[in-house]
């Protein structure tokens, strides 16, 4: 499946903001990137009180903001 098809399928399947299971792939000072589907990573911004996240950690997240034009999305903890 091409990246375009992956993106379209992801948007259609997750536009409702349901809970997604993901894995933290990278942790940076401003947040963590979480893979929620193969090849689909979103940003989980750092928010006080959420506790430390580490690469490889499993997390439950919810789709917060979806930028279809730029193919980006941000997440919140579920």
PDB file of N, CA and C in Angstrom:
ATOM      1  N   UNK A   1       0.851  -1.178   0.000  1.00  0.00           N
ATOM      2  CA  UNK A   1       0.000   0.000   0.000  1.00  0.00           C
ATOM      3  C   UNK A   1       0.898   1.243   0.000  1.00  0.00           C
ATOM      4  N   UNK A   2       0.543   2.223  -0.779  1.00  0.00           N
ATOM      5  CA  UNK A   2       1.339   3.444  -0.881  1.00  0.00           C
ATOM      6  C   UNK A   2       1.116   4.338   0.332  1.00  0.00           C
ATOM      7  N   UNK A   3       2.061   5.266   0.587  1.00  0.00           N
ATOM      8  CA  UNK A   3       1.866   6.215   1.699  1.00  0.00           C
ATOM      9  C   UNK A   3       0.571   7.014   1.568  1.00  0.00           C
ATOM     10  N   UNK A   4       0.194   7.384   0.343  1.00  0.00           N
ATOM     11  CA  UNK A   4      -1.059   8.129   0.139  1.00  0.00           C
ATOM     12  C   UNK A   4      -2.259   7.302   0.559  1.00  0.00           C
ATOM     13  N   UNK A   5      -2.262   6.020   0.202  1.00  0.00           N
ATOM     14  CA  UNK A   5      -3.370   5.146   0.579  1.00  0.00           C
ATOM     15  C   UNK A   5      -3.404   4.927   2.092  1.00  0.00           C
ATOM     16  N   UNK A   6      -2.222   4.750   2.696  1.00  0.00           N
ATOM     17  CA  UNK A   6      -2.147   4.603   4.156  1.00  0.00           C
ATOM     18  C   UNK A   6      -2.752   5.812   4.845  1.00  0.00           C
ATOM     19  N   UNK A   7      -2.373   7.006   4.384  1.00  0.00           N
ATOM     20  CA  UNK A   7      -2.863   8.245   4.998  1.00  0.00           C
ATOM     21  C   UNK A   7      -4.377   8.348   4.866  1.00  0.00           C
ATOM     22  N   UNK A   8      -4.904   8.103   3.649  1.00  0.00           N
ATOM     23  CA  UNK A   8      -6.348   8.196   3.430  1.00  0.00           C
ATOM     24  C   UNK A   8      -7.105   7.221   4.330  1.00  0.00           C
ATOM     25  N   UNK A   9      -6.637   5.993   4.405  1.00  0.00           N
ATOM     26  CA  UNK A   9      -7.285   4.994   5.254  1.00  0.00           C
ATOM     27  C   UNK A   9      -7.252   5.409   6.718  1.00  0.00           C
ATOM     28  N   UNK A  10      -6.119   5.949   7.163  1.00  0.00           N
ATOM     29  CA  UNK A  10      -5.994   6.393   8.545  1.00  0.00           C
ATOM     30  C   UNK A  10      -6.995   7.498   8.846  1.00  0.00           C
ATOM     31  N   UNK A  11      -7.079   8.491   7.969  1.00  0.00           N
ATOM     32  CA  UNK A  11      -7.989   9.622   8.189  1.00  0.00           C
ATOM     33  C   UNK A  11      -9.433   9.145   8.256  1.00  0.00           C
ATOM     34  N   UNK A  12      -9.836   8.313   7.327  1.00  0.00           N
ATOM     35  CA  UNK A  12     -11.217   7.826   7.298  1.00  0.00           C
ATOM     36  C   UNK A  12     -11.530   6.997   8.542  1.00  0.00           C
ATOM     37  N   UNK A  13     -10.602   6.162   8.963  1.00  0.00           N
ATOM     38  CA  UNK A  13     -10.847   5.265  10.093  1.00  0.00           C
ATOM     39  C   UNK A  13     -10.800   5.952  11.446  1.00  0.00           C
ATOM     40  N   UNK A  14     -10.093   7.089  11.544  1.00  0.00           N
ATOM     41  CA  UNK A  14      -9.867   7.678  12.866  1.00  0.00           C
ATOM     42  C   UNK A  14     -10.340   9.117  13.013  1.00  0.00           C
ATOM     43  N   UNK A  15     -11.136   9.589  12.117  1.00  0.00           N
ATOM     44  CA  UNK A  15     -11.589  10.970  12.186  1.00  0.00           C
ATOM     45  C   UNK A  15     -12.507  11.205  13.388  1.00  0.00           C
ATOM     46  N   UNK A  16     -13.073  10.157  13.952  1.00  0.00           N
ATOM     47  CA  UNK A  16     -14.016  10.318  15.054  1.00  0.00           C
ATOM     48  C   UNK A  16     -13.362  10.566  16.407  1.00  0.00           C
ATOM     49  N   UNK A  17     -12.042  10.489  16.489  1.00  0.00           N
ATOM     50  CA  UNK A  17     -11.354  10.778  17.737  1.00  0.00           C
ATOM     51  C   UNK A  17     -11.370   9.651  18.747  1.00  0.00           C
ATOM     52  N   UNK A  18     -11.569   8.426  18.290  1.00  0.00           N
ATOM     53  CA  UNK A  18     -11.566   7.277  19.190  1.00  0.00           C
ATOM     54  C   UNK A  18     -10.195   7.029  19.802  1.00  0.00           C
ATOM     55  N   UNK A  19     -10.159   6.135  20.768  1.00  0.00           N
ATOM     56  CA  UNK A  19      -8.914   5.794  21.455  1.00  0.00           C
ATOM     57  C   UNK A  19      -8.077   4.874  20.566  1.00  0.00           C
ATOM     58  N   UNK A  20      -6.784   5.178  20.493  1.00  0.00           N
ATOM     59  CA  UNK A  20      -5.839   4.398  19.709  1.00  0.00           C
ATOM     60  C   UNK A  20      -4.755   3.864  20.634  1.00  0.00           C
ATOM     61  N   UNK A  21      -4.315   2.664  20.383  1.00  0.00           N
ATOM     62  CA  UNK A  21      -3.159   2.125  21.085  1.00  0.00           C
ATOM     63  C   UNK A  21      -1.930   2.457  20.268  1.00  0.00           C
ATOM     64  N   UNK A  22      -0.892   2.936  20.922  1.00  0.00           N
ATOM     65  CA  UNK A  22       0.321   3.309  20.212  1.00  0.00           C
ATOM     66  C   UNK A  22       1.566   2.959  20.989  1.00  0.00           C
ATOM     67  N   UNK A  23       2.684   3.180  20.330  1.00  0.00           N
ATOM     68  CA  UNK A  23       3.990   2.942  20.934  1.00  0.00           C
ATOM     69  C   UNK A  23       4.828   4.200  20.758  1.00  0.00           C
ATOM     70  N   UNK A  24       5.436   4.674  21.833  1.00  0.00           N
ATOM     71  CA  UNK A  24       6.302   5.851  21.779  1.00  0.00           C
ATOM     72  C   UNK A  24       7.548   5.492  20.967  1.00  0.00           C
ATOM     73  N   UNK A  25       7.835   6.299  19.935  1.00  0.00           N
ATOM     74  CA  UNK A  25       9.012   6.045  19.101  1.00  0.00           C
ATOM     75  C   UNK A  25      10.166   6.976  19.411  1.00  0.00           C
ATOM     76  N   UNK A  26       9.856   8.221  19.776  1.00  0.00           N
ATOM     77  CA  UNK A  26      10.891   9.211  20.104  1.00  0.00           C
ATOM     78  C   UNK A  26      10.361  10.141  21.178  1.00  0.00           C
ATOM     79  N   UNK A  27      11.261  10.552  22.071  1.00  0.00           N
ATOM     80  CA  UNK A  27      10.906  11.523  23.097  1.00  0.00           C
ATOM     81  C   UNK A  27      11.808  12.735  22.929  1.00  0.00           C
ATOM     82  N   UNK A  28      11.191  13.908  22.821  1.00  0.00           N
ATOM     83  CA  UNK A  28      11.898  15.171  22.645  1.00  0.00           C
ATOM     84  C   UNK A  28      11.444  16.134  23.738  1.00  0.00           C
ATOM     85  N   UNK A  29      12.128  17.259  23.925  1.00  0.00           N
ATOM     86  CA  UNK A  29      11.749  18.189  24.995  1.00  0.00           C
ATOM     87  C   UNK A  29      10.304  18.695  24.907  1.00  0.00           C
ATOM     88  N   UNK A  30       9.735  18.773  23.716  1.00  0.00           N
ATOM     89  CA  UNK A  30       8.391  19.320  23.546  1.00  0.00           C
ATOM     90  C   UNK A  30       7.303  18.248  23.475  1.00  0.00           C
ATOM     91  N   UNK A  31       7.685  16.970  23.500  1.00  0.00           N
ATOM     92  CA  UNK A  31       6.682  15.917  23.454  1.00  0.00           C
ATOM     93  C   UNK A  31       7.254  14.608  22.951  1.00  0.00           C
ATOM     94  N   UNK A  32       6.357  13.687  22.671  1.00  0.00           N
ATOM     95  CA  UNK A  32       6.765  12.369  22.199  1.00  0.00           C
ATOM     96  C   UNK A  32       6.035  12.048  20.902  1.00  0.00           C
ATOM     97  N   UNK A  33       6.710  11.339  20.021  1.00  0.00           N
ATOM     98  CA  UNK A  33       6.066  10.850  18.817  1.00  0.00           C
ATOM     99  C   UNK A  33       5.587   9.437  19.095  1.00  0.00           C
ATOM    100  N   UNK A  34       4.339   9.189  18.720  1.00  0.00           N
ATOM    101  CA  UNK A  34       3.702   7.910  18.997  1.00  0.00           C
ATOM    102  C   UNK A  34       3.232   7.307  17.685  1.00  0.00           C
ATOM    103  N   UNK A  35       3.639   6.073  17.422  1.00  0.00           N
ATOM    104  CA  UNK A  35       3.171   5.362  16.231  1.00  0.00           C
ATOM    105  C   UNK A  35       1.858   4.680  16.579  1.00  0.00           C
ATOM    106  N   UNK A  36       0.798   5.045  15.854  1.00  0.00           N
ATOM    107  CA  UNK A  36      -0.528   4.502  16.123  1.00  0.00           C
ATOM    108  C   UNK A  36      -0.991   3.533  15.038  1.00  0.00           C
ATOM    109  N   UNK A  37      -0.275   3.496  13.941  1.00  0.00           N
ATOM    110  CA  UNK A  37      -0.512   2.560  12.846  1.00  0.00           C
ATOM    111  C   UNK A  37       0.801   2.488  12.072  1.00  0.00           C
ATOM    112  N   UNK A  38       0.956   1.452  11.290  1.00  0.00           N
ATOM    113  CA  UNK A  38       2.217   1.300  10.563  1.00  0.00           C
ATOM    114  C   UNK A  38       2.482   2.536   9.711  1.00  0.00           C
ATOM    115  N   UNK A  39       3.601   3.201  10.002  1.00  0.00           N
ATOM    116  CA  UNK A  39       3.988   4.392   9.264  1.00  0.00           C
ATOM    117  C   UNK A  39       3.259   5.655   9.656  1.00  0.00           C
ATOM    118  N   UNK A  40       2.423   5.610  10.686  1.00  0.00           N
ATOM    119  CA  UNK A  40       1.648   6.770  11.116  1.00  0.00           C
ATOM    120  C   UNK A  40       2.059   7.179  12.520  1.00  0.00           C
ATOM    121  N   UNK A  41       2.813   8.275  12.616  1.00  0.00           N
ATOM    122  CA  UNK A  41       3.247   8.815  13.901  1.00  0.00           C
ATOM    123  C   UNK A  41       2.611  10.174  14.130  1.00  0.00           C
ATOM    124  N   UNK A  42       2.140  10.390  15.338  1.00  0.00           N
ATOM    125  CA  UNK A  42       1.589  11.671  15.716  1.00  0.00           C
ATOM    126  C   UNK A  42       2.329  12.214  16.922  1.00  0.00           C
ATOM    127  N   UNK A  43       2.192  13.510  17.140  1.00  0.00           N
ATOM    128  CA  UNK A  43       2.856  14.168  18.257  1.00  0.00           C
ATOM    129  C   UNK A  43       1.945  14.181  19.474  1.00  0.00           C
ATOM    130  N   UNK A  44       2.483  13.717  20.589  1.00  0.00           N
ATOM    131  CA  UNK A  44       1.838  13.823  21.887  1.00  0.00           C
ATOM    132  C   UNK A  44       2.600  14.891  22.660  1.00  0.00           C
ATOM    133  N   UNK A  45       2.080  16.144  22.657  1.00  0.00           N
ATOM    134  CA  UNK A  45       2.811  17.233  23.307  1.00  0.00           C
ATOM    135  C   UNK A  45       3.010  16.982  24.794  1.00  0.00           C
ATOM    136  N   UNK A  46       4.107  17.498  25.322  1.00  0.00           N
ATOM    137  CA  UNK A  46       4.388  17.390  26.747  1.00  0.00           C
ATOM    138  C   UNK A  46       3.374  18.227  27.505  1.00  0.00           C
ATOM    139  N   UNK A  47       2.748  17.600  28.481  1.00  0.00           N
ATOM    140  CA  UNK A  47       1.776  18.282  29.319  1.00  0.00           C
ATOM    141  C   UNK A  47       2.134  17.951  30.758  1.00  0.00           C
ATOM    142  N   UNK A  48       2.179  18.957  31.599  1.00  0.00           N
ATOM    143  CA  UNK A  48       2.537  18.728  32.995  1.00  0.00           C
ATOM    144  C   UNK A  48       1.665  17.681  33.657  1.00  0.00           C
ATOM    145  N   UNK A  49       2.304  16.814  34.420  1.00  0.00           N
ATOM    146  CA  UNK A  49       1.569  15.813  35.174  1.00  0.00           C
ATOM    147  C   UNK A  49       1.299  14.522  34.448  1.00  0.00           C
ATOM    148  N   UNK A  50       1.752  14.369  33.194  1.00  0.00           N
ATOM    149  CA  UNK A  50       1.477  13.124  32.485  1.00  0.00           C
ATOM    150  C   UNK A  50       2.503  12.059  32.799  1.00  0.00           C
ATOM    151  N   UNK A  51       3.573  12.414  33.484  1.00  0.00           N
ATOM    152  CA  UNK A  51       4.610  11.441  33.809  1.00  0.00           C
ATOM    153  C   UNK A  51       5.575  11.288  32.653  1.00  0.00           C
ATOM    154  N   UNK A  52       6.724  10.708  32.937  1.00  0.00           N
ATOM    155  CA  UNK A  52       7.732  10.567  31.896  1.00  0.00           C
ATOM    156  C   UNK A  52       7.353   9.469  30.898  1.00  0.00           C
ATOM    157  N   UNK A  53       7.612   9.736  29.658  1.00  0.00           N
ATOM    158  CA  UNK A  53       7.414   8.742  28.605  1.00  0.00           C
ATOM    159  C   UNK A  53       8.774   8.286  28.113  1.00  0.00           C
ATOM    160  N   UNK A  54       8.877   7.033  27.761  1.00  0.00           N
ATOM    161  CA  UNK A  54      10.133   6.502  27.237  1.00  0.00           C
ATOM    162  C   UNK A  54       9.866   5.802  25.923  1.00  0.00           C
ATOM    163  N   UNK A  55      10.865   5.799  25.051  1.00  0.00           N
ATOM    164  CA  UNK A  55      10.744   5.117  23.763  1.00  0.00           C
ATOM    165  C   UNK A  55      10.433   3.650  24.011  1.00  0.00           C
ATOM    166  N   UNK A  56       9.481   3.143  23.260  1.00  0.00           N
ATOM    167  CA  UNK A  56       9.063   1.758  23.390  1.00  0.00           C
ATOM    168  C   UNK A  56       7.873   1.555  24.299  1.00  0.00           C
ATOM    169  N   UNK A  57       7.480   2.600  25.038  1.00  0.00           N
ATOM    170  CA  UNK A  57       6.349   2.485  25.964  1.00  0.00           C
ATOM    171  C   UNK A  57       5.028   2.415  25.196  1.00  0.00           C
ATOM    172  N   UNK A  58       4.130   1.572  25.658  1.00  0.00           N
ATOM    173  CA  UNK A  58       2.785   1.492  25.089  1.00  0.00           C
ATOM    174  C   UNK A  58       1.927   2.567  25.743  1.00  0.00           C
ATOM    175  N   UNK A  59       1.141   3.280  24.937  1.00  0.00           N
ATOM    176  CA  UNK A  59       0.264   4.328  25.449  1.00  0.00           C
ATOM    177  C   UNK A  59      -1.082   4.273  24.734  1.00  0.00           C
ATOM    178  N   UNK A  60      -2.119   4.687  25.446  1.00  0.00           N
ATOM    179  CA  UNK A  60      -3.437   4.855  24.851  1.00  0.00           C
ATOM    180  C   UNK A  60      -3.611   6.349  24.598  1.00  0.00           C
ATOM    181  N   UNK A  61      -3.924   6.702  23.356  1.00  0.00           N
ATOM    182  CA  UNK A  61      -4.031   8.107  22.967  1.00  0.00           C
ATOM    183  C   UNK A  61      -5.340   8.336  22.214  1.00  0.00           C
ATOM    184  N   UNK A  62      -5.667   9.598  22.091  1.00  0.00           N
ATOM    185  CA  UNK A  62      -6.855  10.012  21.337  1.00  0.00           C
ATOM    186  C   UNK A  62      -6.409  11.050  20.306  1.00  0.00           C
ATOM    187  N   UNK A  63      -6.952  10.967  19.108  1.00  0.00           N
ATOM    188  CA  UNK A  63      -6.650  11.930  18.056  1.00  0.00           C
ATOM    189  C   UNK A  63      -7.185  13.289  18.481  1.00  0.00           C
ATOM    190  N   UNK A  64      -6.315  14.303  18.531  1.00  0.00           N
ATOM    191  CA  UNK A  64      -6.699  15.635  18.997  1.00  0.00           C
ATOM    192  C   UNK A  64      -6.924  16.572  17.824  1.00  0.00           C
ATOM    193  N   UNK A  65      -5.900  16.769  17.021  1.00  0.00           N
ATOM    194  CA  UNK A  65      -5.983  17.678  15.869  1.00  0.00           C
ATOM    195  C   UNK A  65      -5.493  16.941  14.642  1.00  0.00           C
ATOM    196  N   UNK A  66      -6.226  17.101  13.562  1.00  0.00           N
ATOM    197  CA  UNK A  66      -5.894  16.450  12.306  1.00  0.00           C
ATOM    198  C   UNK A  66      -5.701  17.513  11.238  1.00  0.00           C
ATOM    199  N   UNK A  67      -4.502  17.591  10.671  1.00  0.00           N
ATOM    200  CA  UNK A  67      -4.167  18.532   9.605  1.00  0.00           C
ATOM    201  C   UNK A  67      -4.018  17.722   8.318  1.00  0.00           C
ATOM    202  N   UNK A  68      -5.119  17.563   7.604  1.00  0.00           N
ATOM    203  CA  UNK A  68      -5.139  16.705   6.417  1.00  0.00           C
ATOM    204  C   UNK A  68      -4.208  17.242   5.338  1.00  0.00           C
ATOM    205  N   UNK A  69      -4.206  18.545   5.121  1.00  0.00           N
ATOM    206  CA  UNK A  69      -3.399  19.143   4.062  1.00  0.00           C
ATOM    207  C   UNK A  69      -1.912  18.861   4.257  1.00  0.00           C
ATOM    208  N   UNK A  70      -1.410  18.970   5.491  1.00  0.00           N
ATOM    209  CA  UNK A  70       0.016  18.754   5.764  1.00  0.00           C
ATOM    210  C   UNK A  70       0.327  17.347   6.274  1.00  0.00           C
ATOM    211  N   UNK A  71      -0.711  16.508   6.333  1.00  0.00           N
ATOM    212  CA  UNK A  71      -0.559  15.118   6.780  1.00  0.00           C
ATOM    213  C   UNK A  71       0.095  15.024   8.158  1.00  0.00           C
ATOM    214  N   UNK A  72      -0.464  15.751   9.083  1.00  0.00           N
ATOM    215  CA  UNK A  72       0.023  15.740  10.462  1.00  0.00           C
ATOM    216  C   UNK A  72      -1.148  15.592  11.401  1.00  0.00           C
ATOM    217  N   UNK A  73      -0.865  15.027  12.556  1.00  0.00           N
ATOM    218  CA  UNK A  73      -1.895  14.952  13.586  1.00  0.00           C
ATOM    219  C   UNK A  73      -1.238  15.004  14.948  1.00  0.00           C
ATOM    220  N   UNK A  74      -1.985  15.531  15.910  1.00  0.00           N
ATOM    221  CA  UNK A  74      -1.499  15.562  17.285  1.00  0.00           C
ATOM    222  C   UNK A  74      -2.427  14.717  18.135  1.00  0.00           C
ATOM    223  N   UNK A  75      -1.895  14.313  19.268  1.00  0.00           N
ATOM    224  CA  UNK A  75      -2.580  13.366  20.133  1.00  0.00           C
ATOM    225  C   UNK A  75      -2.700  13.899  21.546  1.00  0.00           C
ATOM    226  N   UNK A  76      -3.613  13.335  22.311  1.00  0.00           N
ATOM    227  CA  UNK A  76      -3.706  13.557  23.743  1.00  0.00           C
ATOM    228  C   UNK A  76      -3.746  12.178  24.400  1.00  0.00           C
ATOM    229  N   UNK A  77      -3.392  12.115  25.666  1.00  0.00           N
ATOM    230  CA  UNK A  77      -3.504  10.850  26.387  1.00  0.00           C
ATOM    231  C   UNK A  77      -4.978  10.512  26.564  1.00  0.00           C
ATOM    232  N   UNK A  78      -5.290   9.254  26.411  1.00  0.00           N
ATOM    233  CA  UNK A  78      -6.699   8.817  26.548  1.00  0.00           C
ATOM    234  C   UNK A  78      -7.031   8.565  28.003  1.00  0.00           C
TER     235      UNK A  78
END
